[in-house]
PDB file of N, CA and C in Angstrom:
ATOM      1  N   MET A   1     -57.460 -61.844  -9.822  1.00  0.00           N
ATOM      2  CA  MET A   1     -58.126 -62.545 -10.940  1.00  0.00           C
ATOM      3  C   MET A   1     -57.192 -62.847 -11.980  1.00  0.00           C
ATOM      4  N   GLU A   2     -57.365 -64.052 -12.632  1.00  0.00           N
ATOM      5  CA  GLU A   2     -56.636 -64.471 -13.798  1.00  0.00           C
ATOM      6  C   GLU A   2     -56.894 -63.784 -15.038  1.00  0.00           C
ATOM      7  N   TYR A   3     -56.055 -63.313 -15.917  1.00  0.00           N
ATOM      8  CA  TYR A   3     -56.402 -62.645 -17.176  1.00  0.00           C
ATOM      9  C   TYR A   3     -57.390 -63.296 -18.063  1.00  0.00           C
ATOM     10  N   HIS A   4     -57.411 -64.562 -18.106  1.00  0.00           N
ATOM     11  CA  HIS A   4     -58.343 -65.338 -18.920  1.00  0.00           C
ATOM     12  C   HIS A   4     -59.814 -65.163 -18.297  1.00  0.00           C
ATOM     13  N   ALA A   5     -59.952 -65.109 -17.070  1.00  0.00           N
ATOM     14  CA  ALA A   5     -61.180 -64.948 -16.532  1.00  0.00           C
ATOM     15  C   ALA A   5     -61.590 -63.399 -16.729  1.00  0.00           C
ATOM     16  N   ILE A   6     -60.812 -62.591 -16.539  1.00  0.00           N
ATOM     17  CA  ILE A   6     -61.240 -61.003 -16.798  1.00  0.00           C
ATOM     18  C   ILE A   6     -61.500 -61.019 -18.213  1.00  0.00           C
ATOM     19  N   GLN A   7     -60.770 -61.470 -19.239  1.00  0.00           N
ATOM     20  CA  GLN A   7     -60.987 -61.282 -20.548  1.00  0.00           C
ATOM     21  C   GLN A   7     -62.486 -61.908 -20.917  1.00  0.00           C
ATOM     22  N   HIS A   8     -62.735 -63.134 -20.410  1.00  0.00           N
ATOM     23  CA  HIS A   8     -64.096 -63.726 -20.731  1.00  0.00           C
ATOM     24  C   HIS A   8     -65.155 -62.890 -20.258  1.00  0.00           C
ATOM     25  N   SER A   9     -64.921 -62.388 -19.047  1.00  0.00           N
ATOM     26  CA  SER A   9     -65.961 -61.370 -18.438  1.00  0.00           C
ATOM     27  C   SER A   9     -66.221 -60.170 -19.234  1.00  0.00           C
ATOM     28  N   ILE A  10     -65.216 -59.635 -19.801  1.00  0.00           N
ATOM     29  CA  ILE A  10     -65.302 -58.473 -20.824  1.00  0.00           C
ATOM     30  C   ILE A  10     -65.935 -58.735 -22.082  1.00  0.00           C
ATOM     31  N   LEU A  11     -65.617 -59.996 -22.604  1.00  0.00           N
ATOM     32  CA  LEU A  11     -66.219 -60.522 -23.794  1.00  0.00           C
ATOM     33  C   LEU A  11     -67.796 -60.693 -23.638  1.00  0.00           C
ATOM     34  N   ILE A  12     -67.988 -61.378 -22.577  1.00  0.00           N
ATOM     35  CA  ILE A  12     -69.573 -61.627 -22.313  1.00  0.00           C
ATOM     36  C   ILE A  12     -70.293 -60.450 -22.146  1.00  0.00           C
ATOM     37  N   LYS A  13     -69.764 -59.535 -21.317  1.00  0.00           N
ATOM     38  CA  LYS A  13     -70.603 -58.296 -21.106  1.00  0.00           C
ATOM     39  C   LYS A  13     -70.668 -57.537 -22.373  1.00  0.00           C
ATOM     40  N   THR A  14     -69.711 -57.411 -23.294  1.00  0.00           N
ATOM     41  CA  THR A  14     -69.753 -56.863 -24.660  1.00  0.00           C
ATOM     42  C   THR A  14     -70.714 -57.525 -25.454  1.00  0.00           C
ATOM     43  N   ALA A  15     -70.670 -59.059 -25.420  1.00  0.00           N
ATOM     44  CA  ALA A  15     -71.798 -59.744 -26.196  1.00  0.00           C
ATOM     45  C   ALA A  15     -73.281 -59.246 -25.870  1.00  0.00           C
ATOM     46  N   PHE A  16     -73.455 -59.214 -24.555  1.00  0.00           N
ATOM     47  CA  PHE A  16     -74.835 -58.766 -24.090  1.00  0.00           C
ATOM     48  C   PHE A  16     -75.168 -57.349 -24.503  1.00  0.00           C
ATOM     49  N   ALA A  17     -74.220 -56.515 -24.380  1.00  0.00           N
ATOM     50  CA  ALA A  17     -74.451 -55.236 -25.091  1.00  0.00           C
ATOM     51  C   ALA A  17     -74.730 -55.121 -26.475  1.00  0.00           C
ATOM     52  N   LEU A  18     -74.129 -55.892 -27.224  1.00  0.00           N
ATOM     53  CA  LEU A  18     -74.324 -56.194 -28.625  1.00  0.00           C
ATOM     54  C   LEU A  18     -75.752 -56.777 -28.998  1.00  0.00           C
ATOM     55  N   THR A  19     -76.161 -57.597 -28.062  1.00  0.00           N
ATOM     56  CA  THR A  19     -77.433 -58.190 -28.060  1.00  0.00           C
ATOM     57  C   THR A  19     -78.565 -57.266 -27.989  1.00  0.00           C
ATOM     58  N   ILE A  20     -78.329 -56.433 -26.937  1.00  0.00           N
ATOM     59  CA  ILE A  20     -79.353 -55.242 -26.626  1.00  0.00           C
ATOM     60  C   ILE A  20     -79.365 -54.411 -27.669  1.00  0.00           C
ATOM     61  N   TYR A  21     -78.291 -53.941 -28.183  1.00  0.00           N
ATOM     62  CA  TYR A  21     -78.227 -52.823 -29.258  1.00  0.00           C
ATOM     63  C   TYR A  21     -78.932 -53.410 -30.461  1.00  0.00           C
ATOM     64  N   ARG A  22     -78.713 -54.649 -30.799  1.00  0.00           N
ATOM     65  CA  ARG A  22     -79.488 -55.143 -31.940  1.00  0.00           C
ATOM     66  C   ARG A  22     -80.942 -55.379 -31.710  1.00  0.00           C
ATOM     67  N   ALA A  23     -81.356 -55.655 -30.506  1.00  0.00           N
ATOM     68  CA  ALA A  23     -82.708 -55.757 -30.277  1.00  0.00           C
ATOM     69  C   ALA A  23     -83.368 -54.389 -30.264  1.00  0.00           C
ATOM     70  N   ASP A  24     -82.564 -53.342 -29.755  1.00  0.00           N
ATOM     71  CA  ASP A  24     -83.037 -51.918 -30.063  1.00  0.00           C
ATOM     72  C   ASP A  24     -83.224 -51.496 -31.361  1.00  0.00           C
ATOM     73  N   ARG A  25     -82.094 -51.673 -32.207  1.00  0.00           N
ATOM     74  CA  ARG A  25     -81.886 -50.981 -33.408  1.00  0.00           C
ATOM     75  C   ARG A  25     -82.076 -51.919 -34.654  1.00  0.00           C
ATOM     76  N   GLY A  26     -82.217 -53.202 -34.509  1.00  0.00           N
ATOM     77  CA  GLY A  26     -82.427 -54.234 -35.622  1.00  0.00           C
ATOM     78  C   GLY A  26     -81.201 -54.554 -36.381  1.00  0.00           C
ATOM     79  N   LYS A  27     -80.072 -54.161 -35.980  1.00  0.00           N
ATOM     80  CA  LYS A  27     -78.758 -54.705 -36.384  1.00  0.00           C
ATOM     81  C   LYS A  27     -77.642 -54.349 -35.554  1.00  0.00           C
ATOM     82  N   TYR A  28     -76.497 -55.129 -35.623  1.00  0.00           N
ATOM     83  CA  TYR A  28     -75.295 -54.791 -34.665  1.00  0.00           C
ATOM     84  C   TYR A  28     -74.663 -53.577 -35.223  1.00  0.00           C
ATOM     85  N   PRO A  29     -73.922 -52.841 -34.356  1.00  0.00           N
ATOM     86  CA  PRO A  29     -73.293 -51.771 -34.759  1.00  0.00           C
ATOM     87  C   PRO A  29     -72.064 -52.046 -35.712  1.00  0.00           C
ATOM     88  N   LYS A  30     -71.712 -50.868 -36.409  1.00  0.00           N
ATOM     89  CA  LYS A  30     -70.411 -51.209 -37.152  1.00  0.00           C
ATOM     90  C   LYS A  30     -69.158 -51.247 -36.448  1.00  0.00           C
ATOM     91  N   SER A  31     -69.205 -50.315 -35.149  1.00  0.00           N
ATOM     92  CA  SER A  31     -68.002 -50.569 -34.390  1.00  0.00           C
ATOM     93  C   SER A  31     -68.482 -50.560 -32.805  1.00  0.00           C
ATOM     94  N   LEU A  32     -67.584 -51.053 -32.118  1.00  0.00           N
ATOM     95  CA  LEU A  32     -67.783 -51.135 -30.709  1.00  0.00           C
ATOM     96  C   LEU A  32     -68.032 -49.759 -30.089  1.00  0.00           C
ATOM     97  N   GLN A  33     -67.359 -48.782 -30.602  1.00  0.00           N
ATOM     98  CA  GLN A  33     -67.555 -47.327 -30.167  1.00  0.00           C
ATOM     99  C   GLN A  33     -68.994 -46.913 -30.039  1.00  0.00           C
ATOM    100  N   GLN A  34     -69.787 -47.554 -30.949  1.00  0.00           N
ATOM    101  CA  GLN A  34     -71.143 -47.118 -30.944  1.00  0.00           C
ATOM    102  C   GLN A  34     -72.110 -47.646 -29.820  1.00  0.00           C
ATOM    103  N   LEU A  35     -71.462 -48.539 -28.988  1.00  0.00           N
ATOM    104  CA  LEU A  35     -72.072 -48.962 -27.799  1.00  0.00           C
ATOM    105  C   LEU A  35     -71.929 -48.071 -26.609  1.00  0.00           C
ATOM    106  N   VAL A  36     -71.022 -47.118 -26.761  1.00  0.00           N
ATOM    107  CA  VAL A  36     -70.765 -46.090 -25.774  1.00  0.00           C
ATOM    108  C   VAL A  36     -71.546 -44.764 -25.835  1.00  0.00           C
ATOM    109  N   PRO A  37     -72.071 -44.334 -24.965  1.00  0.00           N
ATOM    110  CA  PRO A  37     -72.339 -44.637 -23.408  1.00  0.00           C
ATOM    111  C   PRO A  37     -73.603 -45.302 -23.298  1.00  0.00           C
ATOM    112  N   ASP A  38     -74.555 -45.527 -24.342  1.00  0.00           N
ATOM    113  CA  ASP A  38     -75.770 -46.150 -23.913  1.00  0.00           C
ATOM    114  C   ASP A  38     -75.811 -47.603 -23.539  1.00  0.00           C
ATOM    115  N   TYR A  39     -74.732 -48.368 -23.957  1.00  0.00           N
ATOM    116  CA  TYR A  39     -74.804 -49.761 -23.734  1.00  0.00           C
ATOM    117  C   TYR A  39     -73.598 -50.339 -22.881  1.00  0.00           C
ATOM    118  N   LEU A  40     -72.508 -49.472 -22.960  1.00  0.00           N
ATOM    119  CA  LEU A  40     -71.224 -49.767 -22.164  1.00  0.00           C
ATOM    120  C   LEU A  40     -70.766 -48.287 -21.773  1.00  0.00           C
ATOM    121  N   ARG A  41     -70.177 -48.369 -20.406  1.00  0.00           N
ATOM    122  CA  ARG A  41     -69.606 -47.016 -20.126  1.00  0.00           C
ATOM    123  C   ARG A  41     -68.403 -46.509 -20.940  1.00  0.00           C
ATOM    124  N   GLU A  42     -67.499 -47.444 -21.433  1.00  0.00           N
ATOM    125  CA  GLU A  42     -66.323 -47.166 -22.133  1.00  0.00           C
ATOM    126  C   GLU A  42     -66.166 -48.320 -23.048  1.00  0.00           C
ATOM    127  N   PRO A  43     -65.397 -48.173 -24.167  1.00  0.00           N
ATOM    128  CA  PRO A  43     -65.182 -49.273 -24.943  1.00  0.00           C
ATOM    129  C   PRO A  43     -64.332 -50.426 -24.399  1.00  0.00           C
ATOM    130  N   PRO A  44     -64.863 -51.648 -24.812  1.00  0.00           N
ATOM    131  CA  PRO A  44     -64.190 -52.904 -24.020  1.00  0.00           C
ATOM    132  C   PRO A  44     -62.677 -53.173 -24.542  1.00  0.00           C
ATOM    133  N   ILE A  45     -61.866 -53.156 -23.490  1.00  0.00           N
ATOM    134  CA  ILE A  45     -60.467 -53.349 -23.790  1.00  0.00           C
ATOM    135  C   ILE A  45     -59.862 -54.920 -23.769  1.00  0.00           C
ATOM    136  N   ASP A  46     -59.169 -55.081 -24.584  1.00  0.00           N
ATOM    137  CA  ASP A  46     -58.453 -56.504 -24.574  1.00  0.00           C
ATOM    138  C   ASP A  46     -57.374 -56.311 -23.643  1.00  0.00           C
ATOM    139  N   VAL A  47     -57.387 -57.338 -22.602  1.00  0.00           N
ATOM    140  CA  VAL A  47     -56.473 -57.303 -21.506  1.00  0.00           C
ATOM    141  C   VAL A  47     -55.083 -57.626 -21.927  1.00  0.00           C
ATOM    142  N   TRP A  48     -54.879 -58.341 -23.093  1.00  0.00           N
ATOM    143  CA  TRP A  48     -53.488 -58.611 -23.552  1.00  0.00           C
ATOM    144  C   TRP A  48     -52.867 -57.503 -24.433  1.00  0.00           C
ATOM    145  N   SER A  49     -53.610 -56.997 -25.360  1.00  0.00           N
ATOM    146  CA  SER A  49     -53.101 -55.900 -26.239  1.00  0.00           C
ATOM    147  C   SER A  49     -53.275 -54.505 -25.635  1.00  0.00           C
ATOM    148  N   GLY A  50     -54.259 -54.324 -24.613  1.00  0.00           N
ATOM    149  CA  GLY A  50     -54.501 -52.961 -24.222  1.00  0.00           C
ATOM    150  C   GLY A  50     -55.195 -51.983 -25.239  1.00  0.00           C
ATOM    151  N   ARG A  51     -55.796 -52.736 -26.297  1.00  0.00           N
ATOM    152  CA  ARG A  51     -56.596 -51.817 -27.351  1.00  0.00           C
ATOM    153  C   ARG A  51     -57.964 -52.462 -27.172  1.00  0.00           C
ATOM    154  N   ILE A  52     -58.885 -51.647 -27.951  1.00  0.00           N
ATOM    155  CA  ILE A  52     -60.265 -52.255 -27.907  1.00  0.00           C
ATOM    156  C   ILE A  52     -60.292 -53.615 -28.531  1.00  0.00           C
ATOM    157  N   LEU A  53     -61.328 -54.381 -28.196  1.00  0.00           N
ATOM    158  CA  LEU A  53     -61.435 -55.744 -28.665  1.00  0.00           C
ATOM    159  C   LEU A  53     -61.561 -55.628 -30.022  1.00  0.00           C
ATOM    160  N   ARG A  54     -61.208 -56.832 -30.671  1.00  0.00           N
ATOM    161  CA  ARG A  54     -61.442 -56.913 -32.275  1.00  0.00           C
ATOM    162  C   ARG A  54     -62.868 -57.118 -32.529  1.00  0.00           C
ATOM    163  N   TYR A  55     -63.527 -56.580 -33.572  1.00  0.00           N
ATOM    164  CA  TYR A  55     -64.910 -56.785 -33.863  1.00  0.00           C
ATOM    165  C   TYR A  55     -65.053 -56.626 -35.264  1.00  0.00           C
ATOM    166  N   GLN A  56     -65.876 -57.666 -35.930  1.00  0.00           N
ATOM    167  CA  GLN A  56     -66.191 -57.651 -37.149  1.00  0.00           C
ATOM    168  C   GLN A  56     -67.682 -57.831 -37.406  1.00  0.00           C
ATOM    169  N   SER A  57     -68.338 -57.090 -38.153  1.00  0.00           N
ATOM    170  CA  SER A  57     -69.899 -57.152 -38.167  1.00  0.00           C
ATOM    171  C   SER A  57     -70.358 -56.905 -39.564  1.00  0.00           C
ATOM    172  N   SER A  58     -71.371 -57.714 -39.884  1.00  0.00           N
ATOM    173  CA  SER A  58     -72.086 -57.509 -41.233  1.00  0.00           C
ATOM    174  C   SER A  58     -73.345 -56.957 -40.920  1.00  0.00           C
ATOM    175  N   GLY A  59     -73.761 -56.445 -39.744  1.00  0.00           N
ATOM    176  CA  GLY A  59     -75.052 -55.895 -39.296  1.00  0.00           C
ATOM    177  C   GLY A  59     -75.897 -56.975 -38.795  1.00  0.00           C
ATOM    178  N   SER A  60     -75.872 -58.189 -39.361  1.00  0.00           N
ATOM    179  CA  SER A  60     -76.847 -59.401 -38.836  1.00  0.00           C
ATOM    180  C   SER A  60     -76.026 -60.333 -38.205  1.00  0.00           C
ATOM    181  N   GLU A  61     -74.823 -60.390 -38.260  1.00  0.00           N
ATOM    182  CA  GLU A  61     -73.892 -61.377 -37.422  1.00  0.00           C
ATOM    183  C   GLU A  61     -72.567 -60.677 -36.998  1.00  0.00           C
ATOM    184  N   TYR A  62     -71.820 -61.241 -36.124  1.00  0.00           N
ATOM    185  CA  TYR A  62     -70.540 -60.643 -35.735  1.00  0.00           C
ATOM    186  C   TYR A  62     -69.610 -61.597 -35.156  1.00  0.00           C
ATOM    187  N   LYS A  63     -68.390 -61.110 -35.207  1.00  0.00           N
ATOM    188  CA  LYS A  63     -67.213 -61.956 -34.473  1.00  0.00           C
ATOM    189  C   LYS A  63     -66.557 -60.990 -33.426  1.00  0.00           C
ATOM    190  N   LEU A  64     -66.455 -61.238 -32.309  1.00  0.00           N
ATOM    191  CA  LEU A  64     -65.911 -60.451 -31.312  1.00  0.00           C
ATOM    192  C   LEU A  64     -64.686 -61.261 -30.619  1.00  0.00           C
ATOM    193  N   TYR A  65     -63.527 -60.666 -30.527  1.00  0.00           N
ATOM    194  CA  TYR A  65     -62.540 -61.356 -29.981  1.00  0.00           C
ATOM    195  C   TYR A  65     -61.253 -60.695 -29.396  1.00  0.00           C
ATOM    196  N   SER A  66     -60.609 -61.393 -28.538  1.00  0.00           N
ATOM    197  CA  SER A  66     -59.378 -60.808 -27.874  1.00  0.00           C
ATOM    198  C   SER A  66     -58.250 -61.570 -28.532  1.00  0.00           C
ATOM    199  N   VAL A  67     -57.088 -60.934 -28.712  1.00  0.00           N
ATOM    200  CA  VAL A  67     -55.982 -61.523 -29.274  1.00  0.00           C
ATOM    201  C   VAL A  67     -55.411 -62.714 -28.437  1.00  0.00           C
ATOM    202  N   GLY A  68     -55.645 -62.869 -27.232  1.00  0.00           N
ATOM    203  CA  GLY A  68     -55.179 -63.973 -26.316  1.00  0.00           C
ATOM    204  C   GLY A  68     -53.858 -63.731 -26.020  1.00  0.00           C
ATOM    205  N   GLN A  69     -53.456 -64.689 -25.111  1.00  0.00           N
ATOM    206  CA  GLN A  69     -52.206 -64.638 -24.437  1.00  0.00           C
ATOM    207  C   GLN A  69     -50.985 -64.481 -25.317  1.00  0.00           C
ATOM    208  N   ASN A  70     -51.093 -64.940 -26.457  1.00  0.00           N
ATOM    209  CA  ASN A  70     -49.784 -64.840 -27.508  1.00  0.00           C
ATOM    210  C   ASN A  70     -49.780 -63.334 -27.943  1.00  0.00           C
ATOM    211  N   GLU A  71     -50.727 -62.537 -27.656  1.00  0.00           N
ATOM    212  CA  GLU A  71     -50.694 -61.058 -27.985  1.00  0.00           C
ATOM    213  C   GLU A  71     -50.678 -60.944 -29.445  1.00  0.00           C
ATOM    214  N   ARG A  72     -51.051 -61.826 -30.235  1.00  0.00           N
ATOM    215  CA  ARG A  72     -51.072 -61.777 -31.757  1.00  0.00           C
ATOM    216  C   ARG A  72     -52.467 -61.979 -32.274  1.00  0.00           C
ATOM    217  N   ASP A  73     -52.908 -61.154 -33.175  1.00  0.00           N
ATOM    218  CA  ASP A  73     -54.117 -61.226 -33.736  1.00  0.00           C
ATOM    219  C   ASP A  73     -54.047 -62.395 -34.790  1.00  0.00           C
ATOM    220  N   ASP A  74     -54.767 -63.553 -34.452  1.00  0.00           N
ATOM    221  CA  ASP A  74     -54.825 -64.647 -35.313  1.00  0.00           C
ATOM    222  C   ASP A  74     -56.022 -64.666 -36.050  1.00  0.00           C
ATOM    223  N   GLY A  75     -56.683 -63.472 -36.327  1.00  0.00           N
ATOM    224  CA  GLY A  75     -57.791 -63.221 -37.270  1.00  0.00           C
ATOM    225  C   GLY A  75     -59.218 -63.884 -36.665  1.00  0.00           C
ATOM    226  N   GLY A  76     -59.124 -63.920 -35.254  1.00  0.00           N
ATOM    227  CA  GLY A  76     -60.432 -64.599 -34.642  1.00  0.00           C
ATOM    228  C   GLY A  76     -60.441 -66.048 -34.826  1.00  0.00           C
ATOM    229  N   ARG A  77     -59.264 -66.754 -34.882  1.00  0.00           N
ATOM    230  CA  ARG A  77     -59.248 -68.176 -34.837  1.00  0.00           C
ATOM    231  C   ARG A  77     -58.964 -68.588 -33.536  1.00  0.00           C
ATOM    232  N   PRO A  78     -59.736 -69.395 -32.849  1.00  0.00           N
ATOM    233  CA  PRO A  78     -59.583 -69.893 -31.403  1.00  0.00           C
ATOM    234  C   PRO A  78     -58.437 -70.718 -31.173  1.00  0.00           C
ATOM    235  N   HIS A  79     -58.211 -70.961 -29.931  1.00  0.00           N
ATOM    236  CA  HIS A  79     -57.068 -71.775 -29.567  1.00  0.00           C
ATOM    237  C   HIS A  79     -56.949 -73.240 -30.296  1.00  0.00           C
ATOM    238  N   GLN A  80     -55.716 -73.264 -31.081  1.00  0.00           N
ATOM    239  CA  GLN A  80     -55.455 -74.458 -31.815  1.00  0.00           C
ATOM    240  C   GLN A  80     -53.956 -74.800 -31.546  1.00  0.00           C
ATOM    241  N   VAL A  81     -53.572 -75.623 -30.696  1.00  0.00           N
ATOM    242  CA  VAL A  81     -52.278 -76.048 -30.349  1.00  0.00           C
ATOM    243  C   VAL A  81     -51.439 -76.136 -31.694  1.00  0.00           C
ATOM    244  N   ALA A  82     -51.817 -77.050 -32.561  1.00  0.00           N
ATOM    245  CA  ALA A  82     -51.148 -77.244 -33.808  1.00  0.00           C
ATOM    246  C   ALA A  82     -50.881 -75.981 -34.660  1.00  0.00           C
ATOM    247  N   GLU A  83     -51.812 -75.160 -34.636  1.00  0.00           N
ATOM    248  CA  GLU A  83     -51.701 -73.892 -35.485  1.00  0.00           C
ATOM    249  C   GLU A  83     -51.016 -72.781 -34.726  1.00  0.00           C
ATOM    250  N   GLY A  84     -50.936 -72.811 -33.445  1.00  0.00           N
ATOM    251  CA  GLY A  84     -50.324 -71.775 -32.646  1.00  0.00           C
ATOM    252  C   GLY A  84     -51.214 -70.701 -32.381  1.00  0.00           C
ATOM    253  N   THR A  85     -52.468 -70.733 -32.567  1.00  0.00           N
ATOM    254  CA  THR A  85     -53.541 -69.714 -32.238  1.00  0.00           C
ATOM    255  C   THR A  85     -54.088 -69.825 -31.068  1.00  0.00           C
ATOM    256  N   ASP A  86     -54.559 -68.598 -30.532  1.00  0.00           N
ATOM    257  CA  ASP A  86     -55.295 -68.600 -29.303  1.00  0.00           C
ATOM    258  C   ASP A  86     -56.071 -67.365 -28.994  1.00  0.00           C
ATOM    259  N   ASP A  87     -56.630 -67.001 -30.142  1.00  0.00           N
ATOM    260  CA  ASP A  87     -57.732 -65.784 -29.956  1.00  0.00           C
ATOM    261  C   ASP A  87     -58.961 -66.413 -28.984  1.00  0.00           C
ATOM    262  N   ILE A  88     -59.434 -65.457 -28.342  1.00  0.00           N
ATOM    263  CA  ILE A  88     -60.632 -65.895 -27.528  1.00  0.00           C
ATOM    264  C   ILE A  88     -61.968 -65.281 -28.175  1.00  0.00           C
ATOM    265  N   VAL A  89     -62.793 -66.106 -28.629  1.00  0.00           N
ATOM    266  CA  VAL A  89     -63.800 -65.497 -29.733  1.00  0.00           C
ATOM    267  C   VAL A  89     -65.185 -65.895 -29.329  1.00  0.00           C
ATOM    268  N   ILE A  90     -65.978 -64.869 -29.596  1.00  0.00           N
ATOM    269  CA  ILE A  90     -67.468 -64.949 -29.491  1.00  0.00           C
ATOM    270  C   ILE A  90     -68.075 -64.626 -30.787  1.00  0.00           C
ATOM    271  N   THR A  91     -68.938 -65.538 -31.279  1.00  0.00           N
ATOM    272  CA  THR A  91     -69.536 -65.122 -32.565  1.00  0.00           C
ATOM    273  C   THR A  91     -71.041 -65.209 -32.403  1.00  0.00           C
ATOM    274  N   ALA A  92     -71.842 -64.410 -33.210  1.00  0.00           N
ATOM    275  CA  ALA A  92     -73.156 -64.464 -33.300  1.00  0.00           C
ATOM    276  C   ALA A  92     -73.612 -64.825 -34.560  1.00  0.00           C
ATOM    277  N   PRO A  93     -74.265 -65.811 -34.905  1.00  0.00           N
ATOM    278  CA  PRO A  93     -74.726 -66.023 -36.411  1.00  0.00           C
ATOM    279  C   PRO A  93     -75.906 -65.176 -36.696  1.00  0.00           C
ATOM    280  N   SER A  94     -76.120 -65.182 -37.958  1.00  0.00           N
ATOM    281  CA  SER A  94     -77.226 -64.359 -38.391  1.00  0.00           C
ATOM    282  C   SER A  94     -78.717 -64.979 -37.943  1.00  0.00           C
ATOM    283  N   MET A  95     -79.336 -64.251 -37.182  1.00  0.00           N
ATOM    284  CA  MET A  95     -80.774 -64.712 -36.733  1.00  0.00           C
ATOM    285  C   MET A  95     -81.825 -63.611 -36.928  1.00  0.00           C
ATOM    286  N   LEU A  96     -83.033 -64.004 -37.104  1.00  0.00           N
ATOM    287  CA  LEU A  96     -84.021 -63.125 -37.371  1.00  0.00           C
ATOM    288  C   LEU A  96     -84.467 -62.605 -35.811  1.00  0.00           C
ATOM    289  N   LEU A  97     -84.778 -61.393 -35.674  1.00  0.00           N
ATOM    290  CA  LEU A  97     -85.376 -60.833 -34.461  1.00  0.00           C
ATOM    291  C   LEU A  97     -86.943 -61.302 -34.506  1.00  0.00           C
ATOM    292  N   PRO A  98     -87.387 -61.295 -33.356  1.00  0.00           N
ATOM    293  CA  PRO A  98     -88.948 -61.657 -33.329  1.00  0.00           C
ATOM    294  C   PRO A  98     -89.761 -60.848 -34.199  1.00  0.00           C
ATOM    295  N   ARG A  99     -89.540 -59.506 -34.134  1.00  0.00           N
ATOM    296  CA  ARG A  99     -90.334 -58.615 -35.090  1.00  0.00           C
ATOM    297  C   ARG A  99     -90.147 -58.740 -36.561  1.00  0.00           C
ATOM    298  N   GLN A 100     -89.078 -59.449 -36.895  1.00  0.00           N
ATOM    299  CA  GLN A 100     -88.778 -59.739 -38.316  1.00  0.00           C
ATOM    300  C   GLN A 100     -89.396 -60.944 -38.815  1.00  0.00           C
ATOM    301  N   LEU A 101     -90.071 -61.868 -37.836  1.00  0.00           N
ATOM    302  CA  LEU A 101     -90.775 -63.065 -38.012  1.00  0.00           C
ATOM    303  C   LEU A 101     -92.172 -62.826 -38.540  1.00  0.00           C
ATOM    304  N   LYS A 102     -92.683 -61.667 -38.185  1.00  0.00           N
ATOM    305  CA  LYS A 102     -94.150 -61.383 -38.527  1.00  0.00           C
ATOM    306  C   LYS A 102     -94.358 -61.141 -39.952  1.00  0.00           C
TER     307      LYS A 102
END
């Protein structure tokens, strides 16, 4: 399987775990380590860097990303040929949970 497909799979699995964590606890975790072992068996790894995926959260929104094929952290900026960036990014904007709407 190609690295891009593997990385997208890891990112999506992690995004689902983050969504379930937030549904259970009312906010996103401060770190991906907090997903282990209840939501993920092990911390999600970036296939290019060999390290844990990059993650930033305010509690109500997050940015999750891989450094991409250039193996350089572009700060979560997705592929832009003109800029030379190629991070693979998933973001979740701030949204109210159903129980917060009541």
